[in-house]
Amino acid sequence: MSINIFKLEEYLSKYEFSAPYLLCCSDAESFSMQEIIDMAEPNEKALWDNLRLSYTEATGLPTLREQIAKSLYPTLDASNILCFAGAEDGIFCALHTIAEPGDNFIVLTPCYQSLSEIPKLKGAEITEIALLEENDWRIDVGEIKKAIKPNTKCITINFPHNPTGQVISQQELNDLITLCAAHDLWLFSDEVYRLLGAPHEGWAQPAAEIYTKALSLGVMSKAFGMAGLRVGWIACQNKELLKKIEYMKHYTSICNSAPSEVISLIVLKNKDYILSRNNQIVTENLKLLDAFMEEHQNLFDWVRPQGGCVGFVKYKGHDHIENFCERLVKEKGVLLMPASIYDHKSNHFRVGFGRKNMPQALDRLKEFLS
């Protein structure tokens, strides 16, 4: 098996734990362990206090799966949820299970690399549909329809989108699902940023709730700011497919971390408070970025993100964005992510605005520009 280097993870491994200011972070501000434990109700506190560090159920802690469904997919139940050791584990297991040699996968780009990389491991071909800045990075269902082939098996989307922060409307999602149903296609919907942000038209439903062949990917890392837990999940109405994906998980993570499952349960029971706090941080940081963009409009431009905590900024300076990013991190300790990490041939970079220290990072970027 041959696999390409994961450019994003390679880039972050070089700088993430050495650069003092991460202005490209893709997750929301985290909490301390004690803050979360203090939120626990008596039942969860007792579960935590008496927890044994044993193997856990491969599908996930039953009460956690029930809470995931209740909190995020109210028309589904625990039997429609399969847990993983993070979203990457879910992406690998699901796409590796669905893909077969000769299949065609349609993938919206730019994208998190594994969304397009994993099907190739099984001999599937990838058709990329580029989201366009002149279309505000919105999905174009018409272009997807034109790309469908007789061997197309799955369409892969990610909204809120990484790195542009664009969202999908309910009508766009409905149109896409109608298209998938007409061709009997799977729909893999990466929704890890859902509920973080303020879309103009509100949030579309999770794909898994409204289409029997949709898989909705969720995780504790992004909107909830709990990346260290390494807990993710897939919601799907097709239990036969979930069982096959579980068989693949037996070859990867096997099961989740017992402490992480209990912490995730506490977090989801306090979902409204945690998302409210994280959305407030995002809202305040976006105000600062709005002012920054106005002040430096000769150098930067973007389609303002509607969801998530990242955006894709066009750099209009004379030098290449990779040189700009390298100079910035060396001189000011501020890390941005150039578009080349997404195989996007442009002078864009990813900016992150979900962390509390973003204002300090932005100040150092201003110093660098001056």
Protein backbone atom coordinates (compact mmCIF):
# COMPACT_ATOMS: atom_id res chain seq x y z
CA MET A 1 0.00 0.00 0.00
CA SER A 2 1.41 3.38 -1.08
CA ILE A 3 0.09 6.60 0.41
CA ASN A 4 1.05 10.23 -0.10
CA ILE A 5 2.42 12.39 2.68
CA PHE A 6 -0.38 14.18 4.54
CA LYS A 7 0.73 17.74 3.78
CA LEU A 8 -1.37 19.47 6.44
CA GLU A 9 -0.27 17.19 9.26
CA GLU A 10 3.37 17.34 8.09
CA TYR A 11 3.22 21.14 8.05
CA LEU A 12 1.70 21.33 11.52
CA SER A 13 4.18 18.82 12.94
CA LYS A 14 6.95 21.19 11.89
CA TYR A 15 5.51 24.29 13.58
CA GLU A 16 2.50 23.54 15.80
CA PHE A 17 4.38 22.99 19.05
CA SER A 18 7.17 25.50 18.47
CA ALA A 19 5.42 28.58 17.08
CA PRO A 20 3.95 30.59 19.99
CA TYR A 21 1.06 32.04 17.97
CA LEU A 22 -1.06 29.70 15.86
CA LEU A 23 -3.13 31.95 13.63
CA CYS A 24 -4.27 29.01 11.49
CA CYS A 25 -5.85 26.79 14.15
CA SER A 26 -8.82 24.78 12.94
CA ASP A 27 -10.42 24.16 16.34
CA ALA A 28 -12.24 26.20 18.95
CA GLU A 29 -10.80 27.17 22.33
CA SER A 30 -10.51 24.19 24.65
CA PHE A 31 -11.37 23.73 28.32
CA SER A 32 -9.33 22.34 31.19
CA MET A 33 -10.12 18.86 32.42
CA GLN A 34 -11.28 20.23 35.77
CA GLU A 35 -13.71 22.67 34.12
CA ILE A 36 -15.43 19.78 32.36
CA ILE A 37 -15.52 17.52 35.42
CA ASP A 38 -17.11 20.38 37.38
CA MET A 39 -19.98 20.37 34.84
CA ALA A 40 -20.79 16.71 35.45
CA GLU A 41 -24.12 15.68 36.91
CA PRO A 42 -24.06 13.10 39.75
CA ASN A 43 -24.47 10.13 37.37
CA GLU A 44 -21.58 11.21 35.14
CA LYS A 45 -19.43 12.13 38.17
CA ALA A 46 -19.98 8.64 39.63
CA LEU A 47 -19.15 7.10 36.25
CA TRP A 48 -15.93 9.11 36.16
CA ASP A 49 -14.92 8.40 39.75
CA ASN A 50 -15.44 4.64 39.34
CA LEU A 51 -14.03 4.36 35.83
CA ARG A 52 -11.69 1.44 35.17
CA LEU A 53 -9.08 1.81 32.45
CA SER A 54 -10.20 -1.22 30.52
CA TYR A 55 -11.09 -1.85 26.89
CA THR A 56 -14.37 -0.25 25.83
CA GLU A 57 -17.09 -1.34 23.42
CA ALA A 58 -15.99 -1.10 19.79
CA THR A 59 -19.10 0.84 18.79
CA GLY A 60 -18.70 3.33 21.66
CA LEU A 61 -20.06 3.77 25.18
CA PRO A 62 -23.83 3.13 24.86
CA THR A 63 -24.80 6.19 26.91
CA LEU A 64 -22.44 8.34 24.83
CA ARG A 65 -23.99 7.11 21.58
CA GLU A 66 -27.44 7.82 23.00
CA GLN A 67 -26.36 11.33 23.94
CA ILE A 68 -24.77 11.99 20.52
CA ALA A 69 -28.05 11.06 18.85
CA LYS A 70 -30.16 13.05 21.32
CA SER A 71 -27.97 16.17 21.13
CA LEU A 72 -27.15 16.25 17.42
CA TYR A 73 -29.38 13.85 15.43
CA PRO A 74 -32.76 13.82 17.21
CA THR A 75 -34.51 11.74 14.51
CA LEU A 76 -31.91 8.96 14.93
CA ASP A 77 -30.95 6.81 17.90
CA ALA A 78 -27.87 5.13 19.38
CA SER A 79 -28.01 2.27 16.86
CA ASN A 80 -27.32 4.83 14.11
CA ILE A 81 -24.10 6.06 15.76
CA LEU A 82 -20.64 4.48 15.50
CA CYS A 83 -17.81 6.05 17.50
CA PHE A 84 -14.15 6.39 16.52
CA ALA A 85 -10.83 7.59 17.90
CA GLY A 86 -11.22 11.00 16.28
CA ALA A 87 -12.64 12.07 12.93
CA GLU A 88 -9.64 10.81 10.96
CA ASP A 89 -10.31 7.27 12.16
CA GLY A 90 -13.91 7.64 10.99
CA ILE A 91 -12.88 9.01 7.59
CA PHE A 92 -10.40 6.19 7.04
CA CYS A 93 -12.72 3.39 8.11
CA ALA A 94 -15.78 4.67 6.25
CA LEU A 95 -14.19 5.61 2.93
CA HIS A 96 -11.98 2.51 2.94
CA THR A 97 -15.12 0.41 3.46
CA ILE A 98 -17.21 2.10 0.76
CA ALA A 99 -14.52 2.28 -1.93
CA GLU A 100 -13.79 -0.59 -4.31
CA PRO A 101 -11.41 -0.84 -7.29
CA GLY A 102 -12.83 1.01 -10.27
CA ASP A 103 -15.28 3.14 -8.28
CA ASN A 104 -15.52 6.86 -8.90
CA PHE A 105 -15.68 9.29 -5.97
CA ILE A 106 -16.65 12.93 -6.48
CA VAL A 107 -14.90 15.16 -3.95
CA LEU A 108 -15.29 18.91 -3.42
CA THR A 109 -11.94 20.70 -3.21
CA PRO A 110 -9.98 22.24 -1.59
CA CYS A 111 -10.43 19.65 1.14
CA TYR A 112 -8.89 17.88 4.09
CA GLN A 113 -6.51 15.57 2.26
CA SER A 114 -7.78 12.23 3.57
CA LEU A 115 -11.24 12.88 2.06
CA SER A 116 -9.72 12.44 -1.40
CA GLU A 117 -6.74 10.24 -0.50
CA ILE A 118 -8.35 7.26 1.25
CA PRO A 119 -10.52 5.98 -1.66
CA LYS A 120 -7.38 5.87 -3.83
CA LEU A 121 -5.95 3.21 -1.50
CA LYS A 122 -8.69 0.87 -2.69
CA GLY A 123 -8.15 1.68 -6.36
CA ALA A 124 -10.97 4.18 -6.71
CA GLU A 125 -10.64 7.18 -9.00
CA ILE A 126 -11.28 10.72 -7.79
CA THR A 127 -13.15 13.44 -9.65
CA GLU A 128 -12.46 16.80 -8.04
CA ILE A 129 -15.06 19.57 -8.17
CA ALA A 130 -13.40 22.86 -7.22
CA LEU A 131 -15.28 25.32 -5.05
CA LEU A 132 -14.79 28.73 -6.66
CA GLU A 133 -14.06 32.01 -4.93
CA GLU A 134 -16.10 33.89 -7.55
CA ASN A 135 -19.06 31.77 -6.43
CA ASP A 136 -18.32 32.61 -2.77
CA TRP A 137 -16.98 29.03 -2.34
CA ARG A 138 -20.57 27.69 -2.46
CA ILE A 139 -21.47 24.19 -3.60
CA ASP A 140 -22.55 23.91 -7.26
CA VAL A 141 -24.92 20.94 -7.52
CA GLY A 142 -25.13 21.44 -11.28
CA GLU A 143 -21.39 20.87 -11.67
CA ILE A 144 -21.62 17.75 -9.52
CA LYS A 145 -24.47 16.44 -11.68
CA LYS A 146 -22.35 16.89 -14.83
CA ALA A 147 -19.46 14.98 -13.21
CA ILE A 148 -21.45 11.83 -12.35
CA LYS A 149 -20.29 8.75 -14.28
CA PRO A 150 -21.74 5.23 -14.56
CA ASN A 151 -19.15 4.08 -11.98
CA THR A 152 -19.71 6.96 -9.52
CA LYS A 153 -20.37 5.53 -6.07
CA CYS A 154 -20.02 8.37 -3.57
CA ILE A 155 -20.03 12.15 -3.29
CA THR A 156 -17.90 13.64 -0.51
CA ILE A 157 -18.63 17.09 0.91
CA ASN A 158 -17.46 19.17 3.87
CA PHE A 159 -19.63 21.97 5.31
CA PRO A 160 -18.95 24.19 7.16
CA HIS A 161 -15.98 24.06 4.82
CA ASN A 162 -12.33 23.78 5.74
CA PRO A 163 -10.57 26.06 4.77
CA THR A 164 -13.11 28.63 3.44
CA GLY A 165 -15.72 28.63 6.20
CA GLN A 166 -18.57 28.42 3.68
CA VAL A 167 -21.76 26.54 4.64
CA ILE A 168 -24.42 24.59 2.78
CA SER A 169 -28.01 25.79 2.81
CA GLN A 170 -30.96 23.47 3.39
CA GLN A 171 -32.06 23.91 -0.23
CA GLU A 172 -28.58 23.11 -1.55
CA LEU A 173 -28.41 20.01 0.63
CA ASN A 174 -31.90 18.92 -0.45
CA ASP A 175 -30.94 19.33 -4.11
CA LEU A 176 -27.75 17.33 -3.59
CA ILE A 177 -29.60 14.52 -1.82
CA THR A 178 -32.20 14.41 -4.61
CA LEU A 179 -29.31 13.99 -7.04
CA CYS A 180 -27.68 11.27 -4.92
CA ALA A 181 -30.97 9.38 -4.59
CA ALA A 182 -31.58 9.51 -8.34
CA HIS A 183 -28.23 7.79 -8.95
CA ASP A 184 -28.24 5.60 -5.80
CA LEU A 185 -25.05 7.22 -4.49
CA TRP A 186 -23.55 7.34 -1.04
CA LEU A 187 -23.09 10.82 0.43
CA PHE A 188 -20.20 11.28 2.86
CA SER A 189 -20.81 14.56 4.68
CA ASP A 190 -18.01 15.91 6.86
CA GLU A 191 -19.88 18.10 9.36
CA VAL A 192 -17.22 18.52 12.06
CA TYR A 193 -17.71 22.32 12.30
CA ARG A 194 -21.51 22.24 12.35
CA LEU A 195 -23.09 24.55 14.99
CA LEU A 196 -19.98 26.77 15.18
CA GLY A 197 -20.67 30.04 13.40
CA ALA A 198 -23.71 32.03 12.31
CA PRO A 199 -24.96 31.11 8.82
CA HIS A 200 -27.18 33.74 7.17
CA GLU A 201 -29.90 31.14 6.49
CA GLY A 202 -29.40 29.04 9.62
CA TRP A 203 -28.08 25.49 9.82
CA ALA A 204 -29.04 22.79 7.35
CA GLN A 205 -30.01 19.45 8.89
CA PRO A 206 -27.34 16.78 9.24
CA ALA A 207 -27.30 14.79 5.99
CA ALA A 208 -27.71 11.48 7.84
CA GLU A 209 -31.11 12.55 9.15
CA ILE A 210 -32.64 13.13 5.73
CA TYR A 211 -31.04 10.57 3.40
CA THR A 212 -30.76 6.83 4.00
CA LYS A 213 -27.39 6.57 2.22
CA ALA A 214 -25.77 9.59 3.91
CA LEU A 215 -22.99 9.42 6.47
CA SER A 216 -22.56 12.44 8.77
CA LEU A 217 -19.13 12.80 10.35
CA GLY A 218 -18.86 14.52 13.73
CA VAL A 219 -16.10 14.98 16.31
CA MET A 220 -15.36 16.54 19.68
CA SER A 221 -12.31 18.35 18.26
CA LYS A 222 -13.62 21.27 16.23
CA ALA A 223 -16.83 23.03 17.31
CA PHE A 224 -16.50 21.73 20.87
CA GLY A 225 -12.76 22.47 21.16
CA MET A 226 -11.88 19.05 22.61
CA ALA A 227 -9.24 17.80 20.17
CA GLY A 228 -7.30 16.02 22.91
CA LEU A 229 -10.18 13.64 23.58
CA ARG A 230 -9.80 11.92 20.18
CA VAL A 231 -13.48 11.02 20.00
CA GLY A 232 -15.44 11.18 16.75
CA TRP A 233 -18.45 9.43 15.24
CA ILE A 234 -20.42 8.66 12.12
CA ALA A 235 -24.20 8.88 12.03
CA CYS A 236 -25.96 6.80 9.38
CA GLN A 237 -29.38 5.21 8.87
CA ASN A 238 -27.86 2.21 7.07
CA LYS A 239 -26.96 -0.16 9.91
CA GLU A 240 -25.56 -2.77 7.53
CA LEU A 241 -22.93 -0.28 6.34
CA LEU A 242 -22.17 0.80 9.92
CA LYS A 243 -21.45 -2.83 10.81
CA LYS A 244 -19.03 -3.14 7.88
CA ILE A 245 -17.31 0.08 8.96
CA GLU A 246 -17.08 -1.31 12.50
CA TYR A 247 -15.26 -4.35 11.09
CA MET A 248 -12.70 -1.96 9.57
CA LYS A 249 -12.34 -0.17 12.92
CA HIS A 250 -11.24 -3.50 14.41
CA TYR A 251 -8.07 -3.05 12.34
CA THR A 252 -7.44 0.56 13.36
CA SER A 253 -8.30 1.92 16.82
CA ILE A 254 -10.39 -1.11 17.98
CA CYS A 255 -12.11 1.02 20.61
CA ASN A 256 -12.12 4.47 22.16
CA SER A 257 -10.37 5.75 25.28
CA ALA A 258 -12.57 5.11 28.32
CA PRO A 259 -11.83 8.48 30.02
CA SER A 260 -12.40 10.33 26.73
CA GLU A 261 -15.82 8.76 26.31
CA VAL A 262 -16.97 9.90 29.74
CA ILE A 263 -15.62 13.43 29.20
CA SER A 264 -17.40 13.53 25.82
CA LEU A 265 -20.64 12.51 27.50
CA ILE A 266 -20.32 15.38 29.99
CA VAL A 267 -19.50 17.84 27.19
CA LEU A 268 -22.52 16.85 25.10
CA LYS A 269 -24.84 17.17 28.10
CA ASN A 270 -23.52 20.74 28.41
CA LYS A 271 -23.57 21.33 24.64
CA ASP A 272 -25.50 24.60 24.70
CA TYR A 273 -23.18 26.28 27.20
CA ILE A 274 -19.99 25.10 25.50
CA LEU A 275 -21.12 26.05 21.99
CA SER A 276 -22.39 29.41 23.23
CA ARG A 277 -19.00 30.19 24.77
CA ASN A 278 -17.10 29.07 21.67
CA ASN A 279 -19.42 30.98 19.34
CA GLN A 280 -18.89 34.12 21.39
CA ILE A 281 -15.12 33.80 20.92
CA VAL A 282 -15.61 33.29 17.17
CA THR A 283 -17.95 36.29 16.93
CA GLU A 284 -15.57 38.64 18.74
CA ASN A 285 -12.55 37.44 16.76
CA LEU A 286 -14.41 37.89 13.47
CA LYS A 287 -15.06 41.53 14.39
CA LEU A 288 -11.32 42.01 14.78
CA LEU A 289 -10.65 40.30 11.46
CA ASP A 290 -13.28 42.47 9.76
CA ALA A 291 -11.43 45.55 10.96
CA PHE A 292 -8.08 44.04 9.93
CA MET A 293 -9.36 43.29 6.42
CA GLU A 294 -10.70 46.82 6.08
CA GLU A 295 -7.43 48.34 7.28
CA HIS A 296 -5.29 46.15 4.99
CA GLN A 297 -7.57 45.78 1.98
CA ASN A 298 -4.63 46.59 -0.29
CA LEU A 299 -3.00 43.33 0.84
CA PHE A 300 -5.83 40.96 1.77
CA ASP A 301 -9.30 39.92 0.67
CA TRP A 302 -11.67 37.09 1.56
CA VAL A 303 -15.16 35.70 1.36
CA ARG A 304 -16.23 36.17 4.99
CA PRO A 305 -16.78 32.73 6.63
CA GLN A 306 -20.29 31.80 7.75
CA GLY A 307 -19.45 28.65 9.71
CA GLY A 308 -16.60 27.04 11.57
CA CYS A 309 -13.54 28.91 12.80
CA VAL A 310 -11.33 29.11 9.71
CA GLY A 311 -11.29 31.30 6.62
CA PHE A 312 -9.41 31.41 3.32
CA VAL A 313 -7.67 34.74 2.78
CA LYS A 314 -6.25 35.98 -0.52
CA TYR A 315 -2.83 37.62 -0.17
CA LYS A 316 -2.37 40.34 -2.81
CA GLY A 317 1.28 41.11 -2.09
CA HIS A 318 4.11 40.66 -4.59
CA ASP A 319 5.84 37.68 -2.95
CA HIS A 320 4.48 34.13 -2.87
CA ILE A 321 2.32 33.20 0.10
CA GLU A 322 4.69 30.41 1.16
CA ASN A 323 7.52 32.92 1.51
CA PHE A 324 5.20 35.29 3.39
CA CYS A 325 4.18 32.54 5.85
CA GLU A 326 7.75 31.38 6.39
CA ARG A 327 9.01 34.89 7.11
CA LEU A 328 6.09 35.56 9.45
CA VAL A 329 6.64 32.49 11.60
CA LYS A 330 10.41 33.04 11.77
CA GLU A 331 10.25 36.74 12.57
CA LYS A 332 7.11 36.97 14.70
CA GLY A 333 6.31 33.40 15.74
CA VAL A 334 2.90 33.58 14.02
CA LEU A 335 1.80 30.57 11.97
CA LEU A 336 -0.49 30.79 8.94
CA MET A 337 -1.22 27.92 6.52
CA PRO A 338 -0.49 28.48 2.81
CA ALA A 339 -2.92 27.24 0.16
CA SER A 340 -0.37 24.74 -1.19
CA ILE A 341 -1.07 22.56 1.85
CA TYR A 342 -4.49 21.97 0.23
CA ASP A 343 -2.99 21.53 -3.25
CA HIS A 344 -4.69 24.82 -4.10
CA LYS A 345 -2.68 26.78 -6.66
CA SER A 346 -3.35 30.27 -5.37
CA ASN A 347 -1.90 32.90 -3.06
CA HIS A 348 -4.41 32.18 -0.31
CA PHE A 349 -3.76 31.14 3.27
CA ARG A 350 -5.91 29.66 6.06
CA VAL A 351 -6.56 31.81 9.08
CA GLY A 352 -8.07 30.45 12.29
CA PHE A 353 -10.16 32.50 14.71
CA GLY A 354 -11.48 30.07 17.31
CA ARG A 355 -8.85 30.66 19.99
CA LYS A 356 -8.80 33.24 22.78
CA ASN A 357 -5.29 34.40 21.92
CA MET A 358 -6.14 35.28 18.32
CA PRO A 359 -6.08 39.03 19.10
CA GLN A 360 -2.46 38.77 20.27
CA ALA A 361 -1.51 36.76 17.17
CA LEU A 362 -3.24 39.33 14.96
CA ASP A 363 -1.32 42.16 16.67
CA ARG A 364 1.97 40.45 15.84
CA LEU A 365 0.86 40.02 12.23
CA LYS A 366 0.18 43.77 12.12
CA GLU A 367 3.67 44.42 13.51
CA PHE A 368 5.11 42.24 10.77
CA LEU A 369 3.20 44.13 8.08
CA SER A 370 4.33 47.50 9.40
